[in-house]
N, C-alpha and C. Protein backbone atom coordinates (compact mmCIF):
# COMPACT_ATOMS: atom_id res chain seq x y z
N MET A 1 109.81 -36.12 -41.24
CA MET A 1 109.98 -37.07 -40.02
C MET A 1 111.13 -36.67 -39.37
N ARG A 2 111.05 -36.86 -37.80
CA ARG A 2 112.53 -37.22 -37.68
C ARG A 2 112.52 -38.28 -36.54
N GLU A 3 113.83 -38.81 -36.10
CA GLU A 3 114.10 -40.27 -35.24
C GLU A 3 114.12 -39.24 -33.88
N THR A 4 113.96 -40.38 -33.07
CA THR A 4 114.01 -40.10 -31.64
C THR A 4 115.39 -40.95 -31.09
N ARG A 5 115.77 -40.84 -29.95
CA ARG A 5 117.02 -41.34 -29.85
C ARG A 5 116.77 -43.02 -29.71
N ASP A 6 115.04 -43.51 -29.47
CA ASP A 6 115.11 -44.43 -29.64
C ASP A 6 114.63 -45.50 -30.79
N GLY A 7 114.88 -44.53 -31.81
CA GLY A 7 115.01 -45.04 -32.97
C GLY A 7 113.53 -45.02 -33.31
N VAL A 8 112.60 -44.94 -32.81
CA VAL A 8 110.73 -44.75 -33.36
C VAL A 8 110.93 -43.48 -34.04
N GLY A 9 110.30 -43.45 -35.45
CA GLY A 9 110.08 -42.12 -36.21
C GLY A 9 108.76 -41.37 -35.55
N ARG A 10 109.13 -40.56 -35.84
CA ARG A 10 107.42 -39.56 -35.45
C ARG A 10 107.13 -39.10 -36.69
N SER A 11 105.90 -38.59 -36.63
CA SER A 11 105.94 -38.15 -37.88
C SER A 11 105.38 -36.37 -37.79
N ASN A 12 104.89 -35.92 -36.20
CA ASN A 12 104.55 -34.73 -36.09
C ASN A 12 105.77 -34.23 -34.78
N GLY A 13 106.02 -35.28 -34.02
CA GLY A 13 106.57 -34.89 -33.18
C GLY A 13 105.63 -35.16 -31.71
N LEU A 14 104.48 -35.17 -31.98
CA LEU A 14 103.39 -35.62 -31.20
C LEU A 14 102.80 -37.11 -30.58
N LEU A 15 103.11 -37.74 -31.78
CA LEU A 15 102.43 -39.26 -31.84
C LEU A 15 103.44 -40.14 -32.69
N PRO A 16 103.69 -41.12 -32.08
CA PRO A 16 104.56 -41.87 -32.91
C PRO A 16 103.62 -42.50 -34.47
N ARG A 17 104.50 -42.82 -35.36
CA ARG A 17 103.94 -42.77 -36.78
C ARG A 17 103.21 -43.80 -36.52
N GLY A 18 101.75 -43.80 -37.41
CA GLY A 18 100.71 -44.74 -37.34
C GLY A 18 99.73 -44.84 -36.25
N THR A 19 100.31 -43.64 -35.29
CA THR A 19 99.30 -44.08 -34.27
C THR A 19 98.18 -43.19 -34.77
N GLY A 20 97.78 -42.34 -35.62
CA GLY A 20 96.49 -42.12 -35.72
C GLY A 20 95.40 -42.90 -36.66
N TRP A 21 96.17 -43.66 -37.28
CA TRP A 21 95.13 -44.51 -37.90
C TRP A 21 94.30 -45.86 -36.71
N ARG A 22 95.53 -45.92 -35.69
CA ARG A 22 94.89 -46.91 -34.39
C ARG A 22 94.02 -45.82 -33.47
N ILE A 23 94.31 -44.96 -33.10
CA ILE A 23 93.08 -43.98 -32.73
C ILE A 23 91.92 -43.48 -33.09
N LEU A 24 91.62 -43.77 -34.79
CA LEU A 24 90.36 -43.52 -35.93
C LEU A 24 89.88 -45.33 -35.59
N VAL A 25 90.80 -46.08 -35.32
CA VAL A 25 89.86 -47.38 -35.49
C VAL A 25 89.36 -47.54 -34.23
N ALA A 26 90.24 -46.98 -32.88
CA ALA A 26 89.49 -47.44 -31.62
C ALA A 26 88.31 -46.90 -31.43
N LEU A 27 88.43 -45.20 -31.96
CA LEU A 27 87.06 -44.69 -31.91
C LEU A 27 85.98 -45.23 -32.63
N VAL A 28 86.00 -45.83 -33.70
CA VAL A 28 84.80 -46.25 -34.43
C VAL A 28 84.52 -47.33 -33.90
N CYS A 29 85.48 -48.09 -33.09
CA CYS A 29 84.99 -49.27 -32.63
C CYS A 29 84.25 -48.85 -31.13
N LEU A 30 84.78 -48.06 -30.41
CA LEU A 30 83.96 -47.15 -29.64
C LEU A 30 82.59 -46.91 -30.18
N LEU A 31 82.47 -46.42 -30.77
CA LEU A 31 81.19 -45.88 -31.01
C LEU A 31 80.35 -46.95 -31.82
N LEU A 32 80.51 -47.78 -32.14
CA LEU A 32 79.80 -48.82 -32.23
C LEU A 32 79.34 -49.98 -31.75
N ALA A 33 80.45 -50.01 -30.19
CA ALA A 33 79.87 -50.68 -29.32
C ALA A 33 79.22 -50.02 -28.71
N GLU A 34 78.90 -48.75 -28.40
CA GLU A 34 78.34 -48.26 -27.30
C GLU A 34 76.86 -47.41 -28.14
N PRO A 35 76.02 -48.51 -28.02
CA PRO A 35 74.57 -47.57 -28.71
C PRO A 35 74.03 -46.32 -28.49
N SER A 36 74.17 -45.81 -26.95
CA SER A 36 73.94 -44.62 -26.78
C SER A 36 74.05 -43.52 -27.85
N TRP A 37 75.79 -44.14 -28.26
CA TRP A 37 76.46 -42.62 -29.05
C TRP A 37 75.93 -43.02 -30.68
N ALA A 38 76.24 -44.53 -30.87
CA ALA A 38 76.30 -45.09 -32.18
C ALA A 38 74.83 -44.82 -32.91
N LEU A 39 73.85 -45.50 -32.15
CA LEU A 39 72.73 -45.71 -32.78
C LEU A 39 71.54 -44.54 -32.24
N PHE A 40 71.26 -44.20 -31.10
CA PHE A 40 70.21 -43.73 -30.63
C PHE A 40 70.15 -42.24 -30.38
N GLY A 41 71.62 -41.55 -30.20
CA GLY A 41 71.86 -40.09 -29.96
C GLY A 41 71.95 -40.28 -28.23
N VAL A 42 72.78 -39.47 -28.00
CA VAL A 42 72.54 -38.95 -26.45
C VAL A 42 71.62 -38.24 -25.96
N SER A 43 71.29 -38.68 -25.12
CA SER A 43 69.74 -38.24 -24.32
C SER A 43 69.40 -38.32 -22.90
N LYS A 44 69.09 -37.61 -21.89
CA LYS A 44 68.50 -38.28 -21.06
C LYS A 44 67.25 -39.00 -20.93
N ARG A 45 67.23 -39.63 -20.19
CA ARG A 45 65.81 -40.61 -19.76
C ARG A 45 65.21 -39.87 -19.03
N PRO A 46 63.92 -39.84 -19.38
CA PRO A 46 63.04 -39.40 -18.24
C PRO A 46 62.62 -39.64 -17.20
N GLN A 47 63.02 -38.81 -15.62
CA GLN A 47 62.71 -39.47 -14.64
C GLN A 47 61.64 -39.80 -14.36
N PRO A 48 60.85 -41.13 -13.20
CA PRO A 48 59.89 -41.02 -12.83
C PRO A 48 59.43 -40.12 -12.29
N GLY A 49 58.17 -39.49 -12.43
CA GLY A 49 57.68 -38.23 -11.89
C GLY A 49 57.34 -37.03 -12.75
N SER A 50 58.25 -37.19 -14.13
CA SER A 50 58.55 -35.92 -15.18
C SER A 50 57.23 -36.62 -16.28
N GLU A 51 57.42 -35.03 -17.09
CA GLU A 51 56.21 -35.53 -17.98
C GLU A 51 56.71 -36.42 -19.02
N ALA A 52 56.12 -37.35 -19.65
CA ALA A 52 56.20 -38.26 -20.60
C ALA A 52 56.24 -37.57 -22.01
N PRO A 53 57.42 -37.95 -22.39
CA PRO A 53 57.69 -36.96 -23.68
C PRO A 53 56.59 -37.78 -24.73
N ARG A 54 56.47 -36.66 -25.84
CA ARG A 54 55.12 -36.96 -26.78
C ARG A 54 56.23 -37.32 -28.05
N PHE A 55 55.19 -38.39 -28.80
CA PHE A 55 55.85 -38.23 -30.24
C PHE A 55 54.73 -38.67 -31.12
N ALA A 56 54.93 -38.78 -32.31
CA ALA A 56 54.06 -39.33 -33.62
C ALA A 56 54.94 -39.92 -34.07
N ALA A 57 54.74 -41.12 -34.73
CA ALA A 57 55.31 -42.09 -35.77
C ALA A 57 54.53 -43.21 -36.59
N PRO A 58 54.84 -43.60 -37.46
CA PRO A 58 54.21 -44.34 -38.36
C PRO A 58 53.86 -45.29 -37.93
N LEU A 59 52.59 -46.34 -38.31
CA LEU A 59 52.61 -47.63 -37.61
C LEU A 59 52.93 -48.94 -38.69
N LEU A 60 53.37 -49.85 -37.98
CA LEU A 60 53.61 -50.98 -38.99
C LEU A 60 52.48 -51.05 -39.76
N ARG A 61 51.28 -51.06 -39.74
CA ARG A 61 50.21 -51.78 -40.50
C ARG A 61 49.47 -50.58 -41.37
N GLY A 62 50.35 -49.13 -40.99
CA GLY A 62 49.76 -48.17 -42.04
C GLY A 62 49.05 -47.41 -40.94
N GLY A 63 49.05 -45.63 -40.97
CA GLY A 63 48.78 -44.94 -40.59
C GLY A 63 49.53 -44.43 -39.48
N THR A 64 49.20 -43.30 -38.11
CA THR A 64 50.30 -43.11 -37.29
C THR A 64 49.68 -42.77 -36.08
N PHE A 65 50.44 -43.58 -35.26
CA PHE A 65 50.51 -43.63 -34.02
C PHE A 65 51.13 -41.91 -33.35
N ASP A 66 49.98 -41.67 -32.48
CA ASP A 66 50.25 -40.25 -31.78
C ASP A 66 50.29 -40.78 -29.97
N LEU A 67 51.34 -40.59 -29.42
CA LEU A 67 51.50 -40.69 -28.29
C LEU A 67 50.50 -39.55 -27.20
N GLY A 68 50.30 -38.39 -28.03
CA GLY A 68 49.72 -37.14 -27.14
C GLY A 68 48.06 -37.30 -27.15
N THR A 69 47.84 -38.20 -27.92
CA THR A 69 46.50 -38.77 -28.15
C THR A 69 45.63 -39.54 -26.56
N TYR A 70 46.74 -39.91 -26.06
CA TYR A 70 46.59 -40.93 -24.70
C TYR A 70 47.23 -40.02 -23.74
N LEU A 71 48.16 -39.36 -23.81
CA LEU A 71 48.69 -38.95 -22.65
C LEU A 71 47.48 -38.24 -21.60
N GLY A 72 47.72 -38.26 -20.24
CA GLY A 72 46.51 -37.79 -19.58
C GLY A 72 45.17 -38.55 -19.36
N LYS A 73 45.44 -39.41 -20.29
CA LYS A 73 44.31 -40.04 -20.48
C LYS A 73 44.12 -41.49 -19.84
N ASN A 74 45.20 -42.16 -20.36
CA ASN A 74 44.77 -43.75 -20.38
C ASN A 74 46.55 -43.99 -19.81
N PRO A 75 46.64 -44.97 -19.34
CA PRO A 75 47.77 -45.59 -18.52
C PRO A 75 48.21 -46.09 -19.96
N ILE A 76 49.83 -46.05 -19.94
CA ILE A 76 50.70 -46.42 -21.42
C ILE A 76 51.81 -47.24 -20.69
N LEU A 77 51.51 -48.69 -21.62
CA LEU A 77 52.92 -49.27 -21.70
C LEU A 77 53.73 -49.27 -22.51
N LEU A 78 55.08 -48.87 -22.79
CA LEU A 78 56.01 -48.27 -23.99
C LEU A 78 56.79 -49.37 -23.92
N ASP A 79 56.89 -50.30 -25.23
CA ASP A 79 57.87 -51.06 -25.27
C ASP A 79 59.04 -50.72 -26.36
N PHE A 80 60.47 -50.42 -26.47
CA PHE A 80 61.13 -50.40 -27.30
C PHE A 80 62.30 -51.47 -27.43
N TRP A 81 62.14 -52.01 -28.82
CA TRP A 81 62.72 -53.02 -29.24
C TRP A 81 63.38 -53.15 -30.50
N SER A 82 64.04 -54.30 -30.70
CA SER A 82 64.46 -54.63 -32.35
C SER A 82 64.29 -56.24 -32.56
N ILE A 83 64.45 -56.46 -33.35
CA ILE A 83 64.20 -57.80 -33.98
C ILE A 83 65.50 -58.38 -33.60
N TYR A 84 66.40 -57.74 -33.51
CA TYR A 84 67.87 -58.45 -33.47
C TYR A 84 68.17 -58.48 -31.87
N CYS A 85 67.36 -58.42 -31.05
CA CYS A 85 67.28 -58.33 -29.54
C CYS A 85 66.95 -59.48 -29.02
N VAL A 86 67.74 -60.38 -29.05
CA VAL A 86 67.06 -61.74 -28.16
C VAL A 86 66.21 -61.39 -26.74
N ALA A 87 67.09 -60.35 -25.84
CA ALA A 87 65.77 -60.02 -24.61
C ALA A 87 64.72 -59.72 -25.17
N CYS A 88 64.57 -58.95 -26.14
CA CYS A 88 63.17 -58.50 -26.27
C CYS A 88 62.29 -59.57 -26.83
N LEU A 89 62.88 -60.00 -27.74
CA LEU A 89 61.88 -61.15 -28.12
C LEU A 89 61.41 -62.25 -26.77
N LYS A 90 62.16 -62.50 -25.88
CA LYS A 90 62.10 -63.26 -24.42
C LYS A 90 60.84 -62.22 -23.78
N GLU A 91 60.87 -60.94 -23.67
CA GLU A 91 60.01 -60.16 -23.02
C GLU A 91 58.80 -60.00 -23.53
N MET A 92 58.69 -60.01 -24.99
CA MET A 92 57.17 -59.54 -25.71
C MET A 92 56.09 -60.43 -25.01
N PRO A 93 56.60 -61.73 -25.17
CA PRO A 93 55.13 -62.26 -24.72
C PRO A 93 54.97 -62.41 -23.55
N THR A 94 55.89 -61.58 -22.33
CA THR A 94 55.07 -61.13 -21.23
C THR A 94 54.44 -60.09 -21.19
N LEU A 95 54.76 -58.96 -21.88
CA LEU A 95 53.94 -57.85 -21.98
C LEU A 95 52.81 -57.58 -22.82
N LEU A 96 52.34 -59.09 -24.14
CA LEU A 96 51.53 -59.18 -24.60
C LEU A 96 50.69 -59.42 -23.30
N ASP A 97 50.80 -60.60 -22.29
CA ASP A 97 50.07 -61.27 -21.55
C ASP A 97 49.81 -60.15 -20.57
N ILE A 98 50.36 -59.15 -20.20
CA ILE A 98 50.16 -57.81 -19.15
C ILE A 98 49.12 -57.50 -19.99
N TYR A 99 49.25 -57.03 -21.33
CA TYR A 99 48.10 -56.32 -22.22
C TYR A 99 46.98 -56.97 -22.27
N GLU A 100 47.09 -57.77 -22.22
CA GLU A 100 45.69 -58.72 -22.52
C GLU A 100 44.74 -58.92 -21.01
N ARG A 101 45.33 -58.91 -20.37
CA ARG A 101 45.17 -58.94 -18.61
C ARG A 101 44.50 -57.34 -18.45
N TYR A 102 45.01 -56.21 -18.85
CA TYR A 102 44.51 -55.10 -18.71
C TYR A 102 44.11 -53.97 -19.47
N LYS A 103 43.95 -54.58 -20.56
CA LYS A 103 43.18 -53.89 -21.51
C LYS A 103 41.96 -53.41 -21.39
N ASP A 104 41.32 -54.07 -21.33
CA ASP A 104 40.00 -53.56 -20.92
C ASP A 104 39.50 -52.48 -19.77
N GLN A 105 40.71 -52.22 -18.73
CA GLN A 105 40.80 -51.27 -17.83
C GLN A 105 41.35 -50.19 -18.14
N GLY A 106 41.46 -50.12 -19.59
CA GLY A 106 42.24 -48.92 -19.87
C GLY A 106 43.63 -48.76 -20.73
N LEU A 107 44.18 -49.91 -20.25
CA LEU A 107 45.98 -50.08 -20.65
C LEU A 107 45.79 -49.43 -21.96
N VAL A 108 46.99 -48.83 -22.16
CA VAL A 108 47.33 -48.39 -23.65
C VAL A 108 48.73 -49.34 -23.80
N ALA A 109 49.06 -49.98 -25.01
CA ALA A 109 50.70 -50.41 -24.72
C ALA A 109 50.84 -50.54 -26.42
N VAL A 110 52.21 -49.96 -26.95
CA VAL A 110 52.71 -49.60 -27.82
C VAL A 110 54.27 -50.17 -28.02
N SER A 111 54.28 -50.87 -29.08
CA SER A 111 55.78 -51.52 -29.48
C SER A 111 56.24 -50.40 -30.17
N VAL A 112 57.73 -49.80 -29.96
CA VAL A 112 58.51 -49.15 -30.63
C VAL A 112 59.49 -49.66 -31.26
N ASN A 113 59.43 -50.41 -32.58
CA ASN A 113 60.42 -50.89 -33.24
C ASN A 113 61.45 -49.76 -33.45
N LEU A 114 62.92 -49.98 -33.18
CA LEU A 114 64.14 -49.36 -33.65
C LEU A 114 64.92 -49.76 -34.38
N ASP A 115 64.61 -50.51 -35.56
CA ASP A 115 65.27 -50.80 -36.24
C ASP A 115 65.80 -49.67 -37.58
N SER A 116 66.54 -49.73 -37.63
CA SER A 116 66.86 -48.89 -39.09
C SER A 116 66.62 -48.98 -40.72
N PHE A 117 66.08 -50.18 -40.90
CA PHE A 117 65.87 -50.55 -42.10
C PHE A 117 64.24 -50.66 -42.31
N GLY A 118 63.16 -50.39 -41.53
CA GLY A 118 62.13 -49.64 -41.99
C GLY A 118 61.17 -50.80 -41.68
N ALA A 119 59.86 -50.61 -42.07
CA ALA A 119 58.96 -51.53 -41.76
C ALA A 119 58.85 -52.81 -42.82
N LYS A 120 59.53 -53.02 -43.74
CA LYS A 120 59.26 -54.32 -44.83
C LYS A 120 59.82 -55.31 -43.95
N ARG A 121 60.95 -55.36 -43.14
CA ARG A 121 61.97 -56.39 -42.44
C ARG A 121 60.93 -56.69 -41.57
N VAL A 122 60.37 -55.61 -40.70
CA VAL A 122 59.85 -55.90 -39.56
C VAL A 122 58.58 -56.67 -39.83
N ARG A 123 57.84 -56.12 -40.37
CA ARG A 123 56.56 -57.07 -40.99
C ARG A 123 56.76 -58.33 -41.41
N ARG A 124 58.06 -58.72 -42.18
CA ARG A 124 58.21 -60.15 -42.53
C ARG A 124 58.74 -61.16 -41.29
N PHE A 125 59.33 -60.09 -40.30
CA PHE A 125 59.52 -60.85 -38.71
C PHE A 125 58.59 -61.26 -38.08
N VAL A 126 57.71 -59.97 -37.77
CA VAL A 126 56.40 -60.22 -37.24
C VAL A 126 55.29 -61.32 -37.68
N ARG A 127 55.24 -61.39 -39.22
CA ARG A 127 54.60 -62.55 -39.61
C ARG A 127 54.98 -63.93 -39.54
N GLY A 128 56.18 -64.13 -39.17
CA GLY A 128 56.94 -64.98 -38.66
C GLY A 128 57.09 -65.87 -37.14
N LEU A 129 56.36 -64.72 -36.52
CA LEU A 129 56.62 -64.86 -35.11
C LEU A 129 55.58 -66.29 -34.69
N LYS A 130 55.57 -66.87 -33.56
CA LYS A 130 54.88 -68.08 -32.70
C LYS A 130 53.34 -67.59 -32.07
N TYR A 131 53.66 -66.29 -32.36
CA TYR A 131 52.66 -65.43 -31.29
C TYR A 131 52.48 -64.12 -31.89
N GLU A 132 50.91 -63.66 -31.73
CA GLU A 132 50.64 -62.46 -32.73
C GLU A 132 50.66 -60.92 -31.23
N ILE A 133 51.48 -59.67 -31.75
CA ILE A 133 51.28 -58.74 -31.43
C ILE A 133 50.23 -58.08 -31.42
N THR A 134 49.32 -58.15 -30.23
CA THR A 134 48.40 -57.45 -30.27
C THR A 134 48.01 -56.11 -30.16
N PHE A 135 48.89 -55.16 -29.85
CA PHE A 135 49.14 -54.06 -29.42
C PHE A 135 49.78 -53.48 -30.70
N PRO A 136 49.53 -52.15 -30.63
CA PRO A 136 50.45 -51.50 -32.38
C PRO A 136 51.84 -51.31 -32.13
N ILE A 137 52.26 -51.32 -33.44
CA ILE A 137 54.10 -51.59 -33.42
C ILE A 137 54.14 -49.74 -34.15
N VAL A 138 54.88 -49.35 -33.84
CA VAL A 138 55.52 -48.38 -34.19
C VAL A 138 56.93 -48.23 -34.73
N ILE A 139 56.91 -47.85 -35.95
CA ILE A 139 58.67 -48.04 -36.82
C ILE A 139 59.14 -46.69 -36.69
N ASP A 140 60.17 -46.67 -35.32
CA ASP A 140 60.90 -45.44 -35.21
C ASP A 140 62.22 -45.56 -36.16
N LYS A 141 62.28 -45.68 -36.97
CA LYS A 141 63.57 -45.53 -38.14
C LYS A 141 64.08 -44.65 -37.82
N ARG A 142 64.20 -43.44 -37.45
CA ARG A 142 64.69 -42.40 -37.02
C ARG A 142 65.46 -42.77 -35.52
N ARG A 143 64.66 -43.07 -35.04
CA ARG A 143 65.27 -43.29 -33.52
C ARG A 143 64.49 -41.70 -32.59
N GLU A 144 63.75 -41.40 -33.14
CA GLU A 144 63.33 -39.76 -32.49
C GLU A 144 62.34 -39.93 -31.47
N ALA A 145 61.63 -41.22 -31.33
CA ALA A 145 60.92 -41.25 -30.24
C ALA A 145 62.08 -42.33 -28.72
N GLY A 146 62.61 -42.80 -29.64
CA GLY A 146 63.75 -43.70 -28.55
C GLY A 146 64.89 -42.55 -28.10
N GLY A 147 64.97 -41.66 -28.96
CA GLY A 147 65.93 -40.50 -28.27
C GLY A 147 65.15 -39.28 -27.41
N ARG A 148 63.87 -39.36 -27.62
CA ARG A 148 63.10 -38.62 -26.65
C ARG A 148 63.02 -39.38 -25.23
N TYR A 149 63.20 -40.68 -25.19
CA TYR A 149 62.98 -41.49 -23.67
C TYR A 149 64.67 -42.00 -23.51
N GLY A 150 65.34 -41.47 -24.07
CA GLY A 150 66.61 -41.82 -23.53
C GLY A 150 67.02 -43.66 -23.62
N VAL A 151 66.77 -43.91 -24.94
CA VAL A 151 66.92 -45.40 -25.15
C VAL A 151 68.06 -45.81 -25.71
N SER A 152 69.18 -46.81 -25.01
CA SER A 152 70.47 -46.55 -25.47
C SER A 152 70.90 -48.34 -25.11
N VAL A 153 69.54 -49.02 -24.33
CA VAL A 153 69.96 -50.10 -23.99
C VAL A 153 68.52 -50.92 -24.66
N LEU A 154 68.99 -52.33 -25.29
CA LEU A 154 67.39 -52.80 -25.31
C LEU A 154 66.95 -54.08 -24.60
N PRO A 155 66.24 -54.37 -24.32
CA PRO A 155 64.64 -54.11 -24.53
C PRO A 155 64.68 -52.54 -23.28
N THR A 156 63.84 -51.43 -23.54
CA THR A 156 63.37 -50.59 -22.72
C THR A 156 62.21 -50.79 -22.54
N THR A 157 61.45 -50.67 -21.46
CA THR A 157 60.07 -50.70 -21.21
C THR A 157 59.78 -49.50 -20.21
N VAL A 158 58.54 -49.09 -20.63
CA VAL A 158 58.43 -47.35 -19.83
C VAL A 158 56.79 -47.77 -19.40
N VAL A 159 56.34 -47.21 -18.02
CA VAL A 159 55.12 -47.10 -17.74
C VAL A 159 54.90 -45.79 -17.44
N ILE A 160 53.64 -45.33 -18.29
CA ILE A 160 53.30 -44.03 -18.09
C ILE A 160 51.70 -43.92 -17.06
N ASP A 161 51.87 -43.06 -16.16
CA ASP A 161 50.31 -43.12 -15.28
C ASP A 161 49.36 -42.13 -16.25
N ARG A 162 48.01 -42.25 -15.66
CA ARG A 162 46.74 -41.70 -16.38
C ARG A 162 47.30 -39.95 -16.31
N ASP A 163 48.18 -39.78 -15.46
CA ASP A 163 48.37 -37.98 -15.57
C ASP A 163 49.41 -37.82 -16.41
N GLY A 164 49.75 -38.85 -17.26
CA GLY A 164 50.92 -38.59 -18.12
C GLY A 164 52.32 -38.26 -18.00
N LYS A 165 52.54 -38.69 -16.59
CA LYS A 165 53.99 -38.98 -15.86
C LYS A 165 54.63 -40.33 -16.19
N VAL A 166 55.73 -40.43 -16.16
CA VAL A 166 56.63 -41.47 -16.83
C VAL A 166 56.65 -41.93 -14.91
N LEU A 167 56.24 -43.32 -14.63
CA LEU A 167 56.19 -43.54 -13.62
C LEU A 167 57.30 -45.15 -13.18
N TYR A 168 57.49 -45.55 -14.55
CA TYR A 168 58.32 -46.64 -14.12
C TYR A 168 59.38 -46.76 -15.41
N TYR A 169 60.85 -46.99 -15.37
CA TYR A 169 61.61 -47.03 -16.61
C TYR A 169 62.73 -48.10 -16.21
N HIS A 170 62.60 -49.03 -16.87
CA HIS A 170 63.11 -50.51 -16.86
C HIS A 170 63.99 -50.74 -18.49
N VAL A 171 65.29 -50.79 -17.79
CA VAL A 171 66.31 -51.34 -19.06
C VAL A 171 66.57 -52.95 -18.93
N GLY A 172 66.69 -53.37 -19.89
CA GLY A 172 66.86 -54.83 -20.07
C GLY A 172 65.85 -55.84 -19.70
N TYR A 173 66.29 -57.17 -19.99
CA TYR A 173 65.37 -57.90 -19.30
C TYR A 173 65.59 -59.47 -18.92
N SER A 174 65.39 -60.15 -17.96
CA SER A 174 65.46 -61.26 -17.17
C SER A 174 64.23 -61.91 -17.00
N PRO A 175 64.04 -62.62 -16.86
CA PRO A 175 63.36 -63.84 -16.77
C PRO A 175 62.42 -63.39 -15.28
N GLY A 176 61.28 -62.83 -14.79
CA GLY A 176 60.90 -62.28 -13.73
C GLY A 176 60.75 -60.87 -13.63
N ASP A 177 61.36 -60.18 -14.50
CA ASP A 177 61.11 -58.52 -14.48
C ASP A 177 59.66 -58.40 -14.95
N GLU A 178 58.87 -59.09 -15.75
CA GLU A 178 57.29 -58.97 -15.63
C GLU A 178 56.63 -58.96 -14.45
N LYS A 179 57.29 -59.09 -13.37
CA LYS A 179 56.19 -59.19 -12.27
C LYS A 179 56.59 -57.41 -12.03
N GLU A 180 57.45 -56.86 -11.62
CA GLU A 180 57.65 -55.74 -11.47
C GLU A 180 57.11 -54.78 -12.50
N ILE A 181 57.06 -55.07 -13.80
CA ILE A 181 56.09 -54.16 -14.66
C ILE A 181 54.65 -54.61 -14.77
N GLU A 182 54.06 -55.71 -14.06
CA GLU A 182 52.44 -55.73 -13.81
C GLU A 182 52.60 -54.88 -12.60
N ALA A 183 53.26 -55.14 -11.62
CA ALA A 183 52.96 -54.15 -10.73
C ALA A 183 52.92 -52.95 -10.77
N GLN A 184 53.80 -52.44 -11.64
CA GLN A 184 53.85 -50.99 -12.36
C GLN A 184 52.30 -50.30 -13.08
N VAL A 185 52.30 -51.30 -13.93
CA VAL A 185 50.91 -51.37 -14.58
C VAL A 185 49.60 -50.99 -13.94
N ARG A 186 49.79 -52.38 -12.50
CA ARG A 186 48.62 -52.15 -11.75
C ARG A 186 48.59 -51.05 -10.94
N LYS A 187 49.69 -50.13 -10.39
CA LYS A 187 49.45 -49.01 -10.04
C LYS A 187 49.38 -47.94 -11.06
N ALA A 188 49.98 -47.83 -11.96
CA ALA A 188 49.37 -46.86 -13.20
C ALA A 188 47.50 -47.12 -13.32
N LEU A 189 47.28 -48.21 -13.23
CA LEU A 189 45.97 -48.24 -13.37
C LEU A 189 45.37 -47.94 -11.75
N GLY A 190 45.58 -47.64 -11.03
CA GLY A 190 45.03 -47.43 -9.47
C GLY A 190 44.87 -48.46 -8.92
N LEU A 191 45.05 -49.90 -9.38
CA LEU A 191 44.91 -51.45 -8.94
C LEU A 191 45.58 -52.00 -7.48
N ALA A 192 46.74 -51.13 -7.37
CA ALA A 192 47.70 -51.60 -6.70
C ALA A 192 47.32 -51.78 -5.06
N GLU A 193 47.70 -53.02 -4.53
CA GLU A 193 47.26 -53.13 -3.46
C GLU A 193 48.26 -52.70 -2.02
């Protein structure tokens, strides 16, 4: 180590002594604060008009959900969420209402849970809700479906039309957003005014 004129020690002549740890801590904090890097992988989100990415993943109640079964046949409402996401839990009942209104007209809705700990904790959480989630819950523990849809913020809601194309991609939730989501569902069903 050498001394500079101001008396600050330098370990390699490039960075002040101890700076390496500060940089490492700053990088770790940045990664933890930015879910698109730390949790879901950096992916491009599908743009409206593009083919909806296919995925297959385990269902909370057993079996496998394969989105490809419905693509090009049914309009689809995808909801990416977590049990720790307050906005997700506020949005869920509104999506359930939309689904119940339009399921008989062919709407398929799927809830994609992105929590990394798996089905057991999600199952316990869902049992404790004051309402029943009436559409399938997919467990995307490895975030493969979330990655294909470029999910970095929760909730993320996607509407896919009958042709298997992304019609609408919405990030976050504020009360009132359900009106636009429903309008997009109606459009996907061919019911738009």
